[in-house]
N, C-alpha and C. Protein backbone atom coordinates (compact mmCIF):
# COMPACT_ATOMS: atom_id res chain seq x y z
N UNK A 1 108.25 84.79 78.18
CA UNK A 1 108.24 86.12 78.74
C UNK A 1 108.96 87.13 77.86
N UNK A 2 110.01 86.66 77.18
CA UNK A 2 110.70 87.57 76.26
C UNK A 2 109.75 88.00 75.15
N UNK A 3 108.88 87.09 74.70
CA UNK A 3 107.90 87.44 73.67
C UNK A 3 106.94 88.50 74.18
N UNK A 4 106.53 88.40 75.45
CA UNK A 4 105.65 89.41 76.03
C UNK A 4 106.33 90.79 76.03
N UNK A 5 107.60 90.81 76.37
CA UNK A 5 108.34 92.08 76.35
C UNK A 5 108.37 92.65 74.93
N UNK A 6 108.69 91.81 73.96
CA UNK A 6 108.74 92.27 72.57
C UNK A 6 107.37 92.78 72.11
N UNK A 7 106.31 92.05 72.46
CA UNK A 7 104.96 92.48 72.10
C UNK A 7 104.64 93.83 72.73
N UNK A 8 104.97 93.98 73.99
CA UNK A 8 104.69 95.24 74.67
C UNK A 8 105.55 96.38 74.13
N UNK A 9 106.77 96.09 73.70
CA UNK A 9 107.60 97.14 73.11
C UNK A 9 107.00 97.62 71.80
N UNK A 10 106.37 96.72 71.04
CA UNK A 10 105.67 97.16 69.82
C UNK A 10 104.59 98.17 70.20
N UNK A 11 103.83 97.86 71.26
CA UNK A 11 102.78 98.76 71.72
C UNK A 11 103.39 100.09 72.19
N UNK A 12 104.41 100.00 73.03
CA UNK A 12 105.02 101.20 73.62
C UNK A 12 105.56 102.12 72.54
N UNK A 13 106.31 101.58 71.60
CA UNK A 13 106.92 102.44 70.59
C UNK A 13 105.88 102.98 69.60
N UNK A 14 104.77 102.27 69.43
CA UNK A 14 103.69 102.81 68.60
C UNK A 14 103.13 104.08 69.25
N UNK A 15 103.15 104.14 70.58
CA UNK A 15 102.64 105.32 71.29
C UNK A 15 103.73 106.35 71.58
N UNK A 16 104.90 105.90 71.89
CA UNK A 16 105.98 106.84 72.25
C UNK A 16 106.66 107.43 71.03
N UNK A 17 106.70 106.68 69.95
CA UNK A 17 107.37 107.15 68.75
C UNK A 17 108.85 106.81 68.76
N UNK A 18 109.47 107.07 67.64
CA UNK A 18 110.88 106.74 67.47
C UNK A 18 111.72 107.97 67.12
N UNK A 19 111.13 109.15 67.27
CA UNK A 19 111.84 110.37 66.87
C UNK A 19 112.18 111.23 68.09
N UNK A 20 113.13 112.10 67.89
CA UNK A 20 113.54 113.05 68.92
C UNK A 20 112.50 114.15 69.01
N UNK A 21 112.10 114.48 70.25
CA UNK A 21 111.16 115.58 70.48
C UNK A 21 111.66 116.37 71.68
N UNK A 22 111.35 117.66 71.69
CA UNK A 22 111.75 118.51 72.80
C UNK A 22 110.63 119.50 73.10
N UNK A 23 109.58 119.01 73.72
CA UNK A 23 108.40 119.82 74.07
C UNK A 23 108.71 120.58 75.35
N UNK A 24 108.67 121.91 75.34
CA UNK A 24 109.00 122.69 76.53
C UNK A 24 108.05 122.45 77.71
N UNK A 25 106.84 121.95 77.44
CA UNK A 25 105.89 121.67 78.53
C UNK A 25 106.07 120.28 79.13
N UNK A 26 106.87 119.44 78.49
CA UNK A 26 107.09 118.08 79.00
C UNK A 26 108.10 118.15 80.13
N UNK A 27 107.68 117.79 81.36
CA UNK A 27 108.61 117.88 82.49
C UNK A 27 109.83 116.97 82.37
N UNK A 28 109.75 115.96 81.50
CA UNK A 28 110.89 115.08 81.31
C UNK A 28 111.95 115.64 80.39
N UNK A 29 111.60 116.70 79.69
CA UNK A 29 112.54 117.30 78.75
C UNK A 29 112.58 116.54 77.44
N UNK A 30 113.69 116.64 76.75
CA UNK A 30 113.87 116.00 75.46
C UNK A 30 113.61 114.50 75.57
N UNK A 31 112.98 113.92 74.53
CA UNK A 31 112.69 112.49 74.52
C UNK A 31 112.97 111.88 73.16
N UNK A 32 113.25 110.60 73.17
CA UNK A 32 113.33 109.78 71.96
C UNK A 32 112.99 108.37 72.39
N UNK A 33 112.18 107.69 71.60
CA UNK A 33 111.66 106.36 71.95
C UNK A 33 110.91 106.39 73.29
N UNK A 34 110.47 107.57 73.71
CA UNK A 34 109.78 107.69 74.99
C UNK A 34 110.71 107.80 76.18
N UNK A 35 111.99 107.77 75.95
CA UNK A 35 112.97 107.89 77.04
C UNK A 35 113.35 109.36 77.16
N UNK A 36 113.28 109.89 78.38
CA UNK A 36 113.46 111.34 78.55
C UNK A 36 114.79 111.69 79.22
N UNK A 37 115.20 112.91 78.97
CA UNK A 37 116.46 113.42 79.49
C UNK A 37 116.48 113.42 81.02
N UNK A 38 115.40 113.85 81.66
CA UNK A 38 115.37 113.88 83.13
C UNK A 38 115.67 112.49 83.71
N UNK A 39 115.01 111.46 83.19
CA UNK A 39 115.24 110.10 83.69
C UNK A 39 116.66 109.61 83.39
N UNK A 40 117.15 109.94 82.20
CA UNK A 40 118.50 109.51 81.85
C UNK A 40 119.53 110.13 82.80
N UNK A 41 119.35 111.41 83.13
CA UNK A 41 120.27 112.05 84.07
C UNK A 41 120.22 111.36 85.44
N UNK A 42 119.02 111.03 85.90
CA UNK A 42 118.87 110.36 87.20
C UNK A 42 119.51 108.97 87.16
N UNK A 43 119.25 108.24 86.10
CA UNK A 43 119.79 106.87 86.00
C UNK A 43 121.32 106.88 85.87
N UNK A 44 121.85 107.89 85.21
CA UNK A 44 123.30 107.97 85.05
C UNK A 44 124.02 108.14 86.39
N UNK A 45 123.33 108.69 87.37
CA UNK A 45 123.94 108.86 88.69
C UNK A 45 124.20 107.53 89.39
N UNK A 46 123.38 106.53 89.10
CA UNK A 46 123.52 105.24 89.78
C UNK A 46 123.90 104.10 88.85
N UNK A 47 123.79 104.31 87.55
CA UNK A 47 124.02 103.21 86.60
C UNK A 47 124.91 103.65 85.44
N UNK A 48 125.86 104.52 85.74
CA UNK A 48 126.75 105.11 84.73
C UNK A 48 127.49 104.03 83.93
N UNK A 49 128.08 103.07 84.64
CA UNK A 49 128.89 102.06 83.96
C UNK A 49 128.06 101.25 82.97
N UNK A 50 126.87 100.82 83.39
CA UNK A 50 126.04 100.02 82.49
C UNK A 50 125.61 100.86 81.28
N UNK A 51 125.16 102.08 81.51
CA UNK A 51 124.73 102.93 80.40
C UNK A 51 125.85 103.16 79.40
N UNK A 52 127.05 103.42 79.88
CA UNK A 52 128.16 103.63 78.95
C UNK A 52 128.53 102.31 78.26
N UNK A 53 128.34 101.17 78.95
CA UNK A 53 128.66 99.88 78.34
C UNK A 53 127.76 99.56 77.15
N UNK A 54 126.56 100.14 77.12
CA UNK A 54 125.67 99.92 75.96
C UNK A 54 125.78 101.07 74.96
N UNK A 55 126.72 101.99 75.23
CA UNK A 55 127.02 103.04 74.26
C UNK A 55 126.24 104.33 74.41
N UNK A 56 125.58 104.52 75.55
CA UNK A 56 124.85 105.77 75.76
C UNK A 56 125.86 106.87 76.05
N UNK A 57 125.69 108.00 75.39
CA UNK A 57 126.59 109.14 75.54
C UNK A 57 126.31 109.83 76.88
N UNK A 58 127.31 109.89 77.73
CA UNK A 58 127.20 110.56 79.02
C UNK A 58 128.37 111.52 79.18
N UNK A 59 128.23 112.61 79.95
CA UNK A 59 127.08 112.96 80.77
C UNK A 59 125.85 113.25 79.91
N UNK A 60 124.70 112.99 80.50
CA UNK A 60 123.44 113.08 79.78
C UNK A 60 123.09 114.52 79.42
N UNK A 61 122.77 114.73 78.16
CA UNK A 61 122.27 116.01 77.67
C UNK A 61 121.34 115.72 76.49
N UNK A 62 120.86 116.76 75.84
CA UNK A 62 119.92 116.56 74.73
C UNK A 62 120.51 115.68 73.63
N UNK A 63 121.81 115.83 73.40
CA UNK A 63 122.44 115.02 72.35
C UNK A 63 122.47 113.54 72.74
N UNK A 64 122.56 113.25 74.04
CA UNK A 64 122.50 111.85 74.48
C UNK A 64 121.17 111.23 74.07
N UNK A 65 120.10 112.00 74.23
CA UNK A 65 118.77 111.52 73.86
C UNK A 65 118.66 111.45 72.33
N UNK A 66 119.08 112.48 71.65
CA UNK A 66 118.99 112.51 70.18
C UNK A 66 119.73 111.32 69.56
N UNK A 67 120.85 110.91 70.16
CA UNK A 67 121.69 109.85 69.59
C UNK A 67 121.31 108.44 70.04
N UNK A 68 120.28 108.29 70.87
CA UNK A 68 119.87 106.94 71.29
C UNK A 68 119.49 106.11 70.08
N UNK A 69 119.88 104.84 70.13
CA UNK A 69 119.47 103.90 69.09
C UNK A 69 118.29 103.08 69.62
N UNK A 70 117.59 102.45 68.71
CA UNK A 70 116.46 101.62 69.14
C UNK A 70 116.95 100.45 69.99
N UNK A 71 118.08 99.89 69.66
CA UNK A 71 118.63 98.79 70.47
C UNK A 71 118.92 99.26 71.90
N UNK A 72 119.52 100.44 72.04
CA UNK A 72 119.77 100.98 73.38
C UNK A 72 118.44 101.20 74.11
N UNK A 73 117.46 101.72 73.40
CA UNK A 73 116.15 101.96 74.02
C UNK A 73 115.55 100.65 74.53
N UNK A 74 115.58 99.60 73.71
CA UNK A 74 115.05 98.30 74.14
C UNK A 74 115.75 97.82 75.41
N UNK A 75 117.06 97.95 75.43
CA UNK A 75 117.82 97.47 76.60
C UNK A 75 117.47 98.29 77.84
N UNK A 76 117.28 99.59 77.66
CA UNK A 76 116.92 100.44 78.80
C UNK A 76 115.50 100.15 79.27
N UNK A 77 114.58 99.95 78.34
CA UNK A 77 113.21 99.59 78.73
C UNK A 77 113.19 98.26 79.49
N UNK A 78 113.98 97.30 79.04
CA UNK A 78 114.02 96.01 79.74
C UNK A 78 114.56 96.19 81.16
N UNK A 79 115.67 96.87 81.28
CA UNK A 79 116.33 97.01 82.59
C UNK A 79 115.54 97.86 83.57
N UNK A 80 115.00 98.97 83.11
CA UNK A 80 114.40 99.94 84.03
C UNK A 80 112.88 99.84 84.18
N UNK A 81 112.23 99.25 83.20
CA UNK A 81 110.76 99.25 83.23
C UNK A 81 110.14 97.86 83.23
N UNK A 82 110.69 96.92 82.46
CA UNK A 82 110.13 95.57 82.40
C UNK A 82 110.61 94.70 83.56
N UNK A 83 111.90 94.59 83.74
CA UNK A 83 112.44 93.68 84.75
C UNK A 83 111.90 93.96 86.15
N UNK A 84 111.80 95.22 86.57
CA UNK A 84 111.26 95.44 87.93
C UNK A 84 109.85 94.91 88.13
N UNK A 85 108.97 95.03 87.12
CA UNK A 85 107.60 94.52 87.30
C UNK A 85 107.53 93.03 86.99
N UNK A 86 108.41 92.52 86.15
CA UNK A 86 108.43 91.09 85.85
C UNK A 86 108.74 90.28 87.11
N UNK A 87 109.54 90.85 88.00
CA UNK A 87 109.92 90.16 89.25
C UNK A 87 108.73 89.93 90.19
N UNK A 88 107.65 90.65 89.98
CA UNK A 88 106.49 90.52 90.87
C UNK A 88 105.73 89.23 90.66
N UNK A 89 105.94 88.56 89.53
CA UNK A 89 105.26 87.29 89.30
C UNK A 89 103.77 87.44 89.01
N UNK A 90 103.36 88.57 88.47
CA UNK A 90 101.95 88.79 88.13
C UNK A 90 101.62 88.09 86.82
N UNK A 91 100.33 87.99 86.52
CA UNK A 91 99.89 87.43 85.25
C UNK A 91 100.31 88.32 84.09
N UNK A 92 100.16 87.80 82.90
CA UNK A 92 100.63 88.49 81.69
C UNK A 92 99.99 89.87 81.52
N UNK A 93 98.69 89.95 81.65
CA UNK A 93 97.98 91.22 81.42
C UNK A 93 98.35 92.24 82.50
N UNK A 94 98.40 91.78 83.74
CA UNK A 94 98.74 92.69 84.85
C UNK A 94 100.18 93.17 84.73
N UNK A 95 101.07 92.26 84.37
CA UNK A 95 102.47 92.64 84.19
C UNK A 95 102.59 93.68 83.07
N UNK A 96 101.86 93.49 81.98
CA UNK A 96 101.90 94.43 80.87
C UNK A 96 101.33 95.79 81.28
N UNK A 97 100.23 95.78 82.05
CA UNK A 97 99.64 97.04 82.54
C UNK A 97 100.63 97.75 83.47
N UNK A 98 101.30 96.99 84.33
CA UNK A 98 102.29 97.58 85.23
C UNK A 98 103.48 98.14 84.46
N UNK A 99 103.92 97.42 83.44
CA UNK A 99 105.05 97.87 82.61
C UNK A 99 104.75 99.23 81.98
N UNK A 100 103.61 99.33 81.31
CA UNK A 100 103.28 100.58 80.64
C UNK A 100 103.02 101.70 81.64
N UNK A 101 102.44 101.38 82.79
CA UNK A 101 102.21 102.39 83.82
C UNK A 101 103.55 102.84 84.41
N UNK A 102 104.47 101.91 84.60
CA UNK A 102 105.81 102.25 85.07
C UNK A 102 106.48 103.23 84.11
N UNK A 103 106.33 102.99 82.81
CA UNK A 103 106.92 103.88 81.81
C UNK A 103 106.36 105.30 81.94
N UNK A 104 105.06 105.42 82.03
CA UNK A 104 104.43 106.75 82.02
C UNK A 104 104.36 107.42 83.37
N UNK A 105 104.34 106.64 84.44
CA UNK A 105 104.09 107.23 85.76
C UNK A 105 105.17 106.91 86.79
N UNK A 106 106.06 106.00 86.49
CA UNK A 106 107.07 105.58 87.44
C UNK A 106 106.61 104.33 88.20
N UNK A 107 107.58 103.60 88.73
CA UNK A 107 107.29 102.33 89.39
C UNK A 107 106.46 102.52 90.66
N UNK A 108 106.80 103.50 91.45
CA UNK A 108 106.06 103.73 92.70
C UNK A 108 104.59 104.04 92.40
N UNK A 109 104.33 104.87 91.40
CA UNK A 109 102.95 105.20 91.02
C UNK A 109 102.24 103.96 90.46
N UNK A 110 102.95 103.16 89.66
CA UNK A 110 102.35 101.93 89.12
C UNK A 110 101.91 101.01 90.25
N UNK A 111 102.79 100.84 91.24
CA UNK A 111 102.44 99.99 92.39
C UNK A 111 101.28 100.61 93.16
N UNK A 112 101.28 101.92 93.33
CA UNK A 112 100.17 102.59 94.02
C UNK A 112 98.84 102.37 93.30
N UNK A 113 98.88 102.42 91.97
CA UNK A 113 97.65 102.16 91.20
C UNK A 113 97.13 100.75 91.47
N UNK A 114 98.04 99.79 91.56
CA UNK A 114 97.65 98.42 91.87
C UNK A 114 97.12 98.32 93.30
N UNK A 115 97.83 98.94 94.24
CA UNK A 115 97.43 98.89 95.65
C UNK A 115 96.06 99.53 95.86
N UNK A 116 95.81 100.63 95.20
CA UNK A 116 94.52 101.30 95.34
C UNK A 116 93.40 100.36 94.89
N UNK A 117 93.65 99.62 93.81
CA UNK A 117 92.63 98.70 93.30
C UNK A 117 92.41 97.52 94.25
N UNK A 118 93.48 96.95 94.78
CA UNK A 118 93.34 95.74 95.60
C UNK A 118 93.07 96.04 97.07
N UNK A 119 93.19 97.30 97.46
CA UNK A 119 92.84 97.69 98.82
C UNK A 119 93.91 97.48 99.88
N UNK A 120 95.16 97.34 99.45
CA UNK A 120 96.24 97.25 100.43
C UNK A 120 96.78 98.66 100.69
N UNK A 121 97.66 98.77 101.68
CA UNK A 121 98.24 100.08 102.00
C UNK A 121 98.87 100.66 100.75
N UNK A 122 98.55 101.90 100.45
CA UNK A 122 99.04 102.56 99.24
C UNK A 122 100.34 103.30 99.54
N UNK A 123 101.44 102.52 99.55
CA UNK A 123 102.75 103.10 99.85
C UNK A 123 103.70 103.05 98.66
N UNK A 124 103.24 102.47 97.55
CA UNK A 124 104.08 102.40 96.36
C UNK A 124 105.16 101.34 96.42
N UNK A 125 105.09 100.46 97.41
CA UNK A 125 106.09 99.40 97.57
C UNK A 125 105.40 98.05 97.36
N UNK A 126 105.92 97.26 96.45
CA UNK A 126 105.34 95.96 96.15
C UNK A 126 105.92 94.91 97.10
N UNK A 127 105.51 94.98 98.35
CA UNK A 127 105.98 94.04 99.36
C UNK A 127 105.18 92.74 99.31
N UNK A 128 105.49 91.83 100.23
CA UNK A 128 104.85 90.50 100.20
C UNK A 128 103.33 90.55 100.36
N UNK A 129 102.81 91.44 101.19
CA UNK A 129 101.36 91.51 101.37
C UNK A 129 100.70 91.99 100.09
N UNK A 130 101.21 93.07 99.52
CA UNK A 130 100.65 93.59 98.26
C UNK A 130 100.67 92.52 97.18
N UNK A 131 101.79 91.84 97.02
CA UNK A 131 101.90 90.85 95.94
C UNK A 131 101.01 89.64 96.19
N UNK A 132 100.89 89.21 97.44
CA UNK A 132 100.01 88.07 97.75
C UNK A 132 98.56 88.42 97.41
N UNK A 133 98.13 89.60 97.82
CA UNK A 133 96.75 90.02 97.54
C UNK A 133 96.57 90.20 96.03
N UNK A 134 97.52 90.83 95.37
CA UNK A 134 97.41 91.07 93.92
C UNK A 134 97.26 89.75 93.17
N UNK A 135 98.01 88.75 93.56
CA UNK A 135 97.97 87.45 92.87
C UNK A 135 96.67 86.70 93.12
N UNK A 136 95.89 87.14 94.09
CA UNK A 136 94.60 86.49 94.35
C UNK A 136 93.51 86.98 93.39
N UNK A 137 93.80 88.04 92.63
CA UNK A 137 92.84 88.60 91.67
C UNK A 137 92.99 87.91 90.32
N UNK A 138 91.90 87.89 89.58
CA UNK A 138 91.97 87.44 88.19
C UNK A 138 92.87 88.42 87.44
N UNK A 139 93.71 87.89 86.58
CA UNK A 139 94.69 88.70 85.85
C UNK A 139 94.01 89.84 85.09
N UNK A 140 92.96 89.56 84.37
CA UNK A 140 92.26 90.58 83.57
C UNK A 140 91.70 91.68 84.47
N UNK A 141 91.10 91.30 85.59
CA UNK A 141 90.51 92.27 86.51
C UNK A 141 91.58 93.17 87.12
N UNK A 142 92.70 92.57 87.51
CA UNK A 142 93.78 93.35 88.11
C UNK A 142 94.34 94.34 87.09
N UNK A 143 94.55 93.90 85.86
CA UNK A 143 95.06 94.80 84.82
C UNK A 143 94.10 95.97 84.61
N UNK A 144 92.81 95.68 84.53
CA UNK A 144 91.82 96.74 84.32
C UNK A 144 91.80 97.71 85.51
N UNK A 145 91.93 97.18 86.72
CA UNK A 145 91.96 98.03 87.90
C UNK A 145 93.17 98.95 87.93
N UNK A 146 94.32 98.43 87.53
CA UNK A 146 95.54 99.25 87.45
C UNK A 146 95.33 100.39 86.46
N UNK A 147 94.78 100.07 85.31
CA UNK A 147 94.58 101.09 84.28
C UNK A 147 93.54 102.12 84.69
N UNK A 148 92.48 101.69 85.37
CA UNK A 148 91.47 102.64 85.84
C UNK A 148 92.08 103.62 86.84
N UNK A 149 92.91 103.12 87.73
CA UNK A 149 93.55 104.00 88.72
C UNK A 149 94.61 104.88 88.07
N UNK A 150 95.24 104.41 87.04
CA UNK A 150 96.19 105.24 86.29
C UNK A 150 95.45 106.43 85.66
N UNK A 151 94.28 106.17 85.08
CA UNK A 151 93.51 107.24 84.48
C UNK A 151 93.08 108.25 85.53
N UNK A 152 92.69 107.77 86.70
CA UNK A 152 92.32 108.68 87.79
C UNK A 152 93.52 109.53 88.21
N UNK A 153 94.71 108.94 88.22
CA UNK A 153 95.92 109.70 88.54
C UNK A 153 96.11 110.84 87.54
N UNK A 154 95.97 110.55 86.25
CA UNK A 154 96.13 111.59 85.23
C UNK A 154 95.13 112.72 85.44
N UNK A 155 93.90 112.37 85.75
CA UNK A 155 92.87 113.40 85.97
C UNK A 155 93.21 114.26 87.18
N UNK A 156 93.71 113.65 88.25
CA UNK A 156 94.14 114.44 89.43
C UNK A 156 95.33 115.33 89.06
N UNK A 157 96.24 114.80 88.28
CA UNK A 157 97.43 115.56 87.86
C UNK A 157 97.02 116.81 87.08
N UNK A 158 96.09 116.66 86.16
CA UNK A 158 95.65 117.79 85.36
C UNK A 158 94.95 118.84 86.23
N UNK A 159 94.18 118.39 87.22
CA UNK A 159 93.54 119.36 88.13
C UNK A 159 94.59 120.15 88.91
N UNK A 160 95.67 119.50 89.30
CA UNK A 160 96.69 120.19 90.09
C UNK A 160 97.69 120.97 89.22
N UNK A 161 97.86 120.55 87.97
CA UNK A 161 98.78 121.22 87.04
C UNK A 161 98.08 121.40 85.69
N UNK A 162 97.28 122.44 85.56
CA UNK A 162 96.48 122.63 84.34
C UNK A 162 97.28 122.64 83.03
N UNK A 163 98.57 123.00 83.07
CA UNK A 163 99.39 122.99 81.85
C UNK A 163 99.47 121.58 81.26
N UNK A 164 99.24 120.56 82.08
CA UNK A 164 99.31 119.17 81.63
C UNK A 164 98.05 118.73 80.88
N UNK A 165 97.03 119.58 80.85
CA UNK A 165 95.77 119.21 80.20
C UNK A 165 95.97 118.84 78.74
N UNK A 166 96.94 119.45 78.09
CA UNK A 166 97.16 119.17 76.67
C UNK A 166 97.55 117.70 76.43
N UNK A 167 97.98 117.00 77.47
CA UNK A 167 98.36 115.60 77.34
C UNK A 167 97.23 114.63 77.69
N UNK A 168 96.16 115.13 78.34
CA UNK A 168 95.12 114.25 78.88
C UNK A 168 94.46 113.38 77.82
N UNK A 169 94.11 113.95 76.68
CA UNK A 169 93.46 113.16 75.63
C UNK A 169 94.38 112.02 75.17
N UNK A 170 95.65 112.32 74.98
CA UNK A 170 96.60 111.29 74.58
C UNK A 170 96.76 110.21 75.64
N UNK A 171 96.84 110.62 76.91
CA UNK A 171 96.93 109.63 77.99
C UNK A 171 95.69 108.74 78.00
N UNK A 172 94.53 109.36 77.88
CA UNK A 172 93.28 108.59 77.87
C UNK A 172 93.25 107.62 76.70
N UNK A 173 93.64 108.10 75.52
CA UNK A 173 93.67 107.23 74.34
C UNK A 173 94.63 106.07 74.53
N UNK A 174 95.79 106.35 75.13
CA UNK A 174 96.77 105.28 75.34
C UNK A 174 96.25 104.25 76.33
N UNK A 175 95.68 104.69 77.43
CA UNK A 175 95.15 103.75 78.43
C UNK A 175 94.03 102.92 77.80
N UNK A 176 93.15 103.55 77.05
CA UNK A 176 92.06 102.80 76.40
C UNK A 176 92.61 101.82 75.36
N UNK A 177 93.61 102.25 74.60
CA UNK A 177 94.23 101.37 73.61
C UNK A 177 94.91 100.18 74.30
N UNK A 178 95.55 100.44 75.43
CA UNK A 178 96.20 99.34 76.15
C UNK A 178 95.16 98.37 76.68
N UNK A 179 94.06 98.88 77.22
CA UNK A 179 93.00 98.00 77.71
C UNK A 179 92.49 97.11 76.57
N UNK A 180 92.29 97.69 75.40
CA UNK A 180 91.86 96.90 74.24
C UNK A 180 92.92 95.90 73.83
N UNK A 181 94.17 96.32 73.80
CA UNK A 181 95.29 95.46 73.44
C UNK A 181 95.38 94.27 74.38
N UNK A 182 95.20 94.52 75.65
CA UNK A 182 95.33 93.45 76.64
C UNK A 182 94.20 92.43 76.56
N UNK A 183 93.08 92.81 75.98
CA UNK A 183 92.00 91.84 75.77
C UNK A 183 92.45 90.71 74.84
N UNK A 184 93.37 91.02 73.94
CA UNK A 184 93.87 90.02 72.97
C UNK A 184 95.22 89.46 73.38
N UNK A 185 95.79 89.97 74.44
CA UNK A 185 97.16 89.64 74.88
C UNK A 185 97.17 88.27 75.53
């Protein structure tokens, strides 16, 4: 499983990049390694001790993001994005699809994308019913369903917030690239 995380981090960082960016249209604010200031501020409220233990500069500001190291980014991706979906016990492809969807859309949205595909109540909570039904699907099919619903989410988002349209092509390319990547995963 550690190898799967490392493989997926290669994919994630190929798409997220390793440089500091501060796009005024990005609702997350400043980013580096795909980790954004908005999320760091939220996480610092509940996980301050752990973040400082790995050397993240707090209180969170743009310089905290600018100064992130790749090692810190890996540890944060493992703790906040991989471990929560790894606990679900899904197959490799589905877990990878959930991981990347969690990164781009949040855990609740990732679970909702899965629930929409499998037909369980769409509440964003991966409870026992959702997980039992999800595990009854073929891993490849479940992963593809998660990604299809993620793409539909992006399209709805752009309709409701037209300023986000500039990201749609990149989101589509990333989802398609992940689908291709998972075929070999």
